[in-house]
Amino acid sequence: MDLVTAGVGSSNQTVQALGTFKAPGTGGWGNDGLVPLKDSSGNAAVVSLGGVQTLRFDTA
């Protein structure tokens, strides 16, 4: 998950990495699970947002 810091709405965005979501598949359509956002050290990420901000999620 990234915070877009410049270039919102364009294909040339500047981002700040916030963390990653990593978990095994749940095994089927409609079998949902909650996955915490982790920082680069594997700890729970703490993210403070205020006002209008844009987040970017990439599945790669």
PDB file of N, CA and C in Angstrom:
ATOM      1  N   MET A   1       0.855  -1.147   0.000  1.00  0.00           N
ATOM      2  CA  MET A   1       0.000   0.000   0.000  1.00  0.00           C
ATOM      3  C   MET A   1       0.907   1.216   0.000  1.00  0.00           C
ATOM      4  N   ASP A   2       0.597   2.153  -0.865  1.00  0.00           N
ATOM      5  CA  ASP A   2       1.383   3.374  -0.991  1.00  0.00           C
ATOM      6  C   ASP A   2       0.508   4.600  -0.759  1.00  0.00           C
ATOM      7  N   LEU A   3       1.122   5.637  -0.250  1.00  0.00           N
ATOM      8  CA  LEU A   3       0.495   6.948  -0.160  1.00  0.00           C
ATOM      9  C   LEU A   3       0.989   7.752  -1.350  1.00  0.00           C
ATOM     10  N   VAL A   4       0.069   8.248  -2.169  1.00  0.00           N
ATOM     11  CA  VAL A   4       0.447   9.067  -3.324  1.00  0.00           C
ATOM     12  C   VAL A   4       0.759  10.466  -2.815  1.00  0.00           C
ATOM     13  N   THR A   5       2.009  10.896  -3.020  1.00  0.00           N
ATOM     14  CA  THR A   5       2.442  12.200  -2.522  1.00  0.00           C
ATOM     15  C   THR A   5       2.454  13.271  -3.605  1.00  0.00           C
ATOM     16  N   ALA A   6       2.434  12.860  -4.876  1.00  0.00           N
ATOM     17  CA  ALA A   6       2.380  13.810  -5.991  1.00  0.00           C
ATOM     18  C   ALA A   6       1.874  13.082  -7.230  1.00  0.00           C
ATOM     19  N   GLY A   7       1.217  13.815  -8.113  1.00  0.00           N
ATOM     20  CA  GLY A   7       0.756  13.237  -9.364  1.00  0.00           C
ATOM     21  C   GLY A   7      -0.558  12.489  -9.269  1.00  0.00           C
ATOM     22  N   VAL A   8      -1.394  12.831  -8.295  1.00  0.00           N
ATOM     23  CA  VAL A   8      -2.694  12.166  -8.152  1.00  0.00           C
ATOM     24  C   VAL A   8      -3.467  12.286  -9.465  1.00  0.00           C
ATOM     25  N   GLY A   9      -4.008  11.178  -9.941  1.00  0.00           N
ATOM     26  CA  GLY A   9      -4.794  11.181 -11.172  1.00  0.00           C
ATOM     27  C   GLY A   9      -3.970  11.058 -12.432  1.00  0.00           C
ATOM     28  N   SER A  10      -2.656  10.929 -12.300  1.00  0.00           N
ATOM     29  CA  SER A  10      -1.800  10.790 -13.479  1.00  0.00           C
ATOM     30  C   SER A  10      -1.107   9.434 -13.455  1.00  0.00           C
ATOM     31  N   SER A  11      -0.445   9.095 -14.551  1.00  0.00           N
ATOM     32  CA  SER A  11       0.306   7.836 -14.609  1.00  0.00           C
ATOM     33  C   SER A  11       1.729   8.018 -14.095  1.00  0.00           C
ATOM     34  N   ASN A  12       2.087   9.240 -13.709  1.00  0.00           N
ATOM     35  CA  ASN A  12       3.432   9.537 -13.216  1.00  0.00           C
ATOM     36  C   ASN A  12       3.323   9.994 -11.762  1.00  0.00           C
ATOM     37  N   GLN A  13       3.099   9.030 -10.864  1.00  0.00           N
ATOM     38  CA  GLN A  13       2.873   9.354  -9.460  1.00  0.00           C
ATOM     39  C   GLN A  13       4.143   9.175  -8.640  1.00  0.00           C
ATOM     40  N   THR A  14       4.279  10.001  -7.617  1.00  0.00           N
ATOM     41  CA  THR A  14       5.315   9.831  -6.605  1.00  0.00           C
ATOM     42  C   THR A  14       4.616   9.248  -5.387  1.00  0.00           C
ATOM     43  N   VAL A  15       5.200   8.180  -4.825  1.00  0.00           N
ATOM     44  CA  VAL A  15       4.538   7.501  -3.714  1.00  0.00           C
ATOM     45  C   VAL A  15       5.484   7.295  -2.544  1.00  0.00           C
ATOM     46  N   GLN A  16       4.880   7.101  -1.374  1.00  0.00           N
ATOM     47  CA  GLN A  16       5.597   6.726  -0.158  1.00  0.00           C
ATOM     48  C   GLN A  16       5.042   5.369   0.261  1.00  0.00           C
ATOM     49  N   ALA A  17       5.910   4.366   0.355  1.00  0.00           N
ATOM     50  CA  ALA A  17       5.464   3.028   0.745  1.00  0.00           C
ATOM     51  C   ALA A  17       4.985   3.038   2.193  1.00  0.00           C
ATOM     52  N   LEU A  18       3.811   2.452   2.429  1.00  0.00           N
ATOM     53  CA  LEU A  18       3.259   2.364   3.779  1.00  0.00           C
ATOM     54  C   LEU A  18       3.409   0.962   4.351  1.00  0.00           C
ATOM     55  N   GLY A  19       3.369  -0.044   3.506  1.00  0.00           N
ATOM     56  CA  GLY A  19       3.488  -1.420   3.961  1.00  0.00           C
ATOM     57  C   GLY A  19       2.893  -2.384   2.962  1.00  0.00           C
ATOM     58  N   THR A  20       2.810  -3.650   3.377  1.00  0.00           N
ATOM     59  CA  THR A  20       2.296  -4.695   2.500  1.00  0.00           C
ATOM     60  C   THR A  20       1.265  -5.554   3.225  1.00  0.00           C
ATOM     61  N   PHE A  21       0.392  -6.155   2.429  1.00  0.00           N
ATOM     62  CA  PHE A  21      -0.563  -7.146   2.907  1.00  0.00           C
ATOM     63  C   PHE A  21      -0.070  -8.497   2.405  1.00  0.00           C
ATOM     64  N   LYS A  22       0.099  -9.461   3.292  1.00  0.00           N
ATOM     65  CA  LYS A  22       0.601 -10.764   2.875  1.00  0.00           C
ATOM     66  C   LYS A  22      -0.120 -11.857   3.652  1.00  0.00           C
ATOM     67  N   ALA A  23      -0.818 -12.738   2.923  1.00  0.00           N
ATOM     68  CA  ALA A  23      -1.547 -13.832   3.564  1.00  0.00           C
ATOM     69  C   ALA A  23      -1.841 -14.898   2.520  1.00  0.00           C
ATOM     70  N   PRO A  24      -2.014 -16.132   2.942  1.00  0.00           N
ATOM     71  CA  PRO A  24      -2.399 -17.180   1.995  1.00  0.00           C
ATOM     72  C   PRO A  24      -3.833 -16.961   1.524  1.00  0.00           C
ATOM     73  N   GLY A  25      -4.171 -17.559   0.394  1.00  0.00           N
ATOM     74  CA  GLY A  25      -5.535 -17.488  -0.105  1.00  0.00           C
ATOM     75  C   GLY A  25      -6.503 -18.129   0.880  1.00  0.00           C
ATOM     76  N   THR A  26      -7.751 -17.683   0.853  1.00  0.00           N
ATOM     77  CA  THR A  26      -8.743 -18.196   1.803  1.00  0.00           C
ATOM     78  C   THR A  26      -9.422 -19.463   1.313  1.00  0.00           C
ATOM     79  N   GLY A  27      -9.226 -19.821   0.054  1.00  0.00           N
ATOM     80  CA  GLY A  27      -9.751 -21.084  -0.436  1.00  0.00           C
ATOM     81  C   GLY A  27     -11.059 -21.032  -1.187  1.00  0.00           C
ATOM     82  N   GLY A  28     -11.584 -19.869  -1.445  1.00  0.00           N
ATOM     83  CA  GLY A  28     -12.811 -19.838  -2.221  1.00  0.00           C
ATOM     84  C   GLY A  28     -13.449 -18.465  -2.288  1.00  0.00           C
ATOM     85  N   TRP A  29     -14.316 -18.326  -3.281  1.00  0.00           N
ATOM     86  CA  TRP A  29     -15.037 -17.080  -3.482  1.00  0.00           C
ATOM     87  C   TRP A  29     -15.948 -16.831  -2.286  1.00  0.00           C
ATOM     88  N   GLY A  30     -15.878 -15.652  -1.715  1.00  0.00           N
ATOM     89  CA  GLY A  30     -16.726 -15.299  -0.588  1.00  0.00           C
ATOM     90  C   GLY A  30     -16.158 -15.694   0.766  1.00  0.00           C
ATOM     91  N   ASN A  31     -15.021 -16.387   0.776  1.00  0.00           N
ATOM     92  CA  ASN A  31     -14.349 -16.716   2.037  1.00  0.00           C
ATOM     93  C   ASN A  31     -13.345 -15.612   2.325  1.00  0.00           C
ATOM     94  N   ASP A  32     -13.774 -14.603   3.019  1.00  0.00           N
ATOM     95  CA  ASP A  32     -12.952 -13.420   3.248  1.00  0.00           C
ATOM     96  C   ASP A  32     -12.141 -13.548   4.530  1.00  0.00           C
ATOM     97  N   GLY A  33     -11.036 -12.840   4.572  1.00  0.00           N
ATOM     98  CA  GLY A  33     -10.218 -12.801   5.774  1.00  0.00           C
ATOM     99  C   GLY A  33      -9.659 -11.403   5.979  1.00  0.00           C
ATOM    100  N   LEU A  34      -9.356 -11.059   7.206  1.00  0.00           N
ATOM    101  CA  LEU A  34      -8.740  -9.770   7.521  1.00  0.00           C
ATOM    102  C   LEU A  34      -7.227  -9.946   7.523  1.00  0.00           C
ATOM    103  N   VAL A  35      -6.532  -9.054   6.856  1.00  0.00           N
ATOM    104  CA  VAL A  35      -5.080  -9.139   6.735  1.00  0.00           C
ATOM    105  C   VAL A  35      -4.487  -7.808   7.188  1.00  0.00           C
ATOM    106  N   PRO A  36      -3.590  -7.822   8.176  1.00  0.00           N
ATOM    107  CA  PRO A  36      -3.003  -6.566   8.655  1.00  0.00           C
ATOM    108  C   PRO A  36      -1.970  -6.009   7.681  1.00  0.00           C
ATOM    109  N   LEU A  37      -1.843  -4.700   7.667  1.00  0.00           N
ATOM    110  CA  LEU A  37      -0.802  -4.022   6.903  1.00  0.00           C
ATOM    111  C   LEU A  37       0.480  -4.091   7.720  1.00  0.00           C
ATOM    112  N   LYS A  38       1.558  -4.605   7.107  1.00  0.00           N
ATOM    113  CA  LYS A  38       2.836  -4.761   7.813  1.00  0.00           C
ATOM    114  C   LYS A  38       3.889  -3.840   7.200  1.00  0.00           C
ATOM    115  N   ASP A  39       4.786  -3.315   8.048  1.00  0.00           N
ATOM    116  CA  ASP A  39       5.878  -2.476   7.554  1.00  0.00           C
ATOM    117  C   ASP A  39       7.005  -3.367   7.035  1.00  0.00           C
ATOM    118  N   SER A  40       8.102  -2.772   6.586  1.00  0.00           N
ATOM    119  CA  SER A  40       9.204  -3.528   5.987  1.00  0.00           C
ATOM    120  C   SER A  40       9.910  -4.448   6.975  1.00  0.00           C
ATOM    121  N   SER A  41       9.702  -4.252   8.275  1.00  0.00           N
ATOM    122  CA  SER A  41      10.286  -5.120   9.301  1.00  0.00           C
ATOM    123  C   SER A  41       9.328  -6.225   9.741  1.00  0.00           C
ATOM    124  N   GLY A  42       8.121  -6.230   9.183  1.00  0.00           N
ATOM    125  CA  GLY A  42       7.143  -7.245   9.544  1.00  0.00           C
ATOM    126  C   GLY A  42       6.256  -6.876  10.717  1.00  0.00           C
ATOM    127  N   ASN A  43       6.391  -5.657  11.199  1.00  0.00           N
ATOM    128  CA  ASN A  43       5.555  -5.173  12.305  1.00  0.00           C
ATOM    129  C   ASN A  43       4.272  -4.552  11.758  1.00  0.00           C
ATOM    130  N   ALA A  44       3.250  -4.495  12.587  1.00  0.00           N
ATOM    131  CA  ALA A  44       2.011  -3.837  12.183  1.00  0.00           C
ATOM    132  C   ALA A  44       2.314  -2.383  11.829  1.00  0.00           C
ATOM    133  N   ALA A  45       1.881  -1.963  10.649  1.00  0.00           N
ATOM    134  CA  ALA A  45       2.134  -0.596  10.197  1.00  0.00           C
ATOM    135  C   ALA A  45       1.162   0.363  10.873  1.00  0.00           C
ATOM    136  N   VAL A  46       1.672   1.509  11.264  1.00  0.00           N
ATOM    137  CA  VAL A  46       0.846   2.574  11.832  1.00  0.00           C
ATOM    138  C   VAL A  46       0.773   3.678  10.785  1.00  0.00           C
ATOM    139  N   VAL A  47      -0.430   3.967  10.326  1.00  0.00           N
ATOM    140  CA  VAL A  47      -0.625   4.954   9.267  1.00  0.00           C
ATOM    141  C   VAL A  47      -1.589   6.019   9.767  1.00  0.00           C
ATOM    142  N   SER A  48      -1.161   7.265   9.728  1.00  0.00           N
ATOM    143  CA  SER A  48      -2.016   8.386  10.116  1.00  0.00           C
ATOM    144  C   SER A  48      -2.397   9.154   8.861  1.00  0.00           C
ATOM    145  N   LEU A  49      -3.677   9.282   8.629  1.00  0.00           N
ATOM    146  CA  LEU A  49      -4.171  10.000   7.456  1.00  0.00           C
ATOM    147  C   LEU A  49      -5.043  11.156   7.923  1.00  0.00           C
ATOM    148  N   GLY A  50      -4.994  12.246   7.187  1.00  0.00           N
ATOM    149  CA  GLY A  50      -5.822  13.388   7.510  1.00  0.00           C
ATOM    150  C   GLY A  50      -6.166  14.155   6.251  1.00  0.00           C
ATOM    151  N   GLY A  51      -7.337  14.739   6.214  1.00  0.00           N
ATOM    152  CA  GLY A  51      -7.744  15.483   5.035  1.00  0.00           C
ATOM    153  C   GLY A  51      -7.956  14.552   3.856  1.00  0.00           C
ATOM    154  N   VAL A  52      -7.817  15.085   2.662  1.00  0.00           N
ATOM    155  CA  VAL A  52      -7.984  14.291   1.448  1.00  0.00           C
ATOM    156  C   VAL A  52      -6.625  13.754   1.031  1.00  0.00           C
ATOM    157  N   GLN A  53      -6.487  12.442   1.024  1.00  0.00           N
ATOM    158  CA  GLN A  53      -5.253  11.795   0.602  1.00  0.00           C
ATOM    159  C   GLN A  53      -5.604  10.618  -0.290  1.00  0.00           C
ATOM    160  N   THR A  54      -4.671  10.225  -1.148  1.00  0.00           N
ATOM    161  CA  THR A  54      -4.897   9.127  -2.080  1.00  0.00           C
ATOM    162  C   THR A  54      -3.971   7.975  -1.755  1.00  0.00           C
ATOM    163  N   LEU A  55      -4.556   6.779  -1.645  1.00  0.00           N
ATOM    164  CA  LEU A  55      -3.786   5.564  -1.421  1.00  0.00           C
ATOM    165  C   LEU A  55      -3.769   4.759  -2.713  1.00  0.00           C
ATOM    166  N   ARG A  56      -2.678   4.033  -2.934  1.00  0.00           N
ATOM    167  CA  ARG A  56      -2.575   3.181  -4.124  1.00  0.00           C
ATOM    168  C   ARG A  56      -2.270   1.757  -3.689  1.00  0.00           C
ATOM    169  N   PHE A  57      -3.059   0.821  -4.185  1.00  0.00           N
ATOM    170  CA  PHE A  57      -2.883  -0.599  -3.892  1.00  0.00           C
ATOM    171  C   PHE A  57      -2.478  -1.302  -5.172  1.00  0.00           C
ATOM    172  N   ASP A  58      -1.426  -2.095  -5.107  1.00  0.00           N
ATOM    173  CA  ASP A  58      -0.918  -2.820  -6.268  1.00  0.00           C
ATOM    174  C   ASP A  58      -0.904  -4.300  -5.924  1.00  0.00           C
ATOM    175  N   THR A  59      -1.427  -5.133  -6.789  1.00  0.00           N
ATOM    176  CA  THR A  59      -1.501  -6.566  -6.512  1.00  0.00           C
ATOM    177  C   THR A  59      -0.282  -7.335  -6.997  1.00  0.00           C
ATOM    178  N   ALA A  60       0.707  -6.658  -7.524  1.00  0.00           N
ATOM    179  CA  ALA A  60       1.898  -7.361  -8.045  1.00  0.00           C
ATOM    180  C   ALA A  60       2.777  -7.861  -6.932  1.00  0.00           C
TER     181      ALA A  60
END
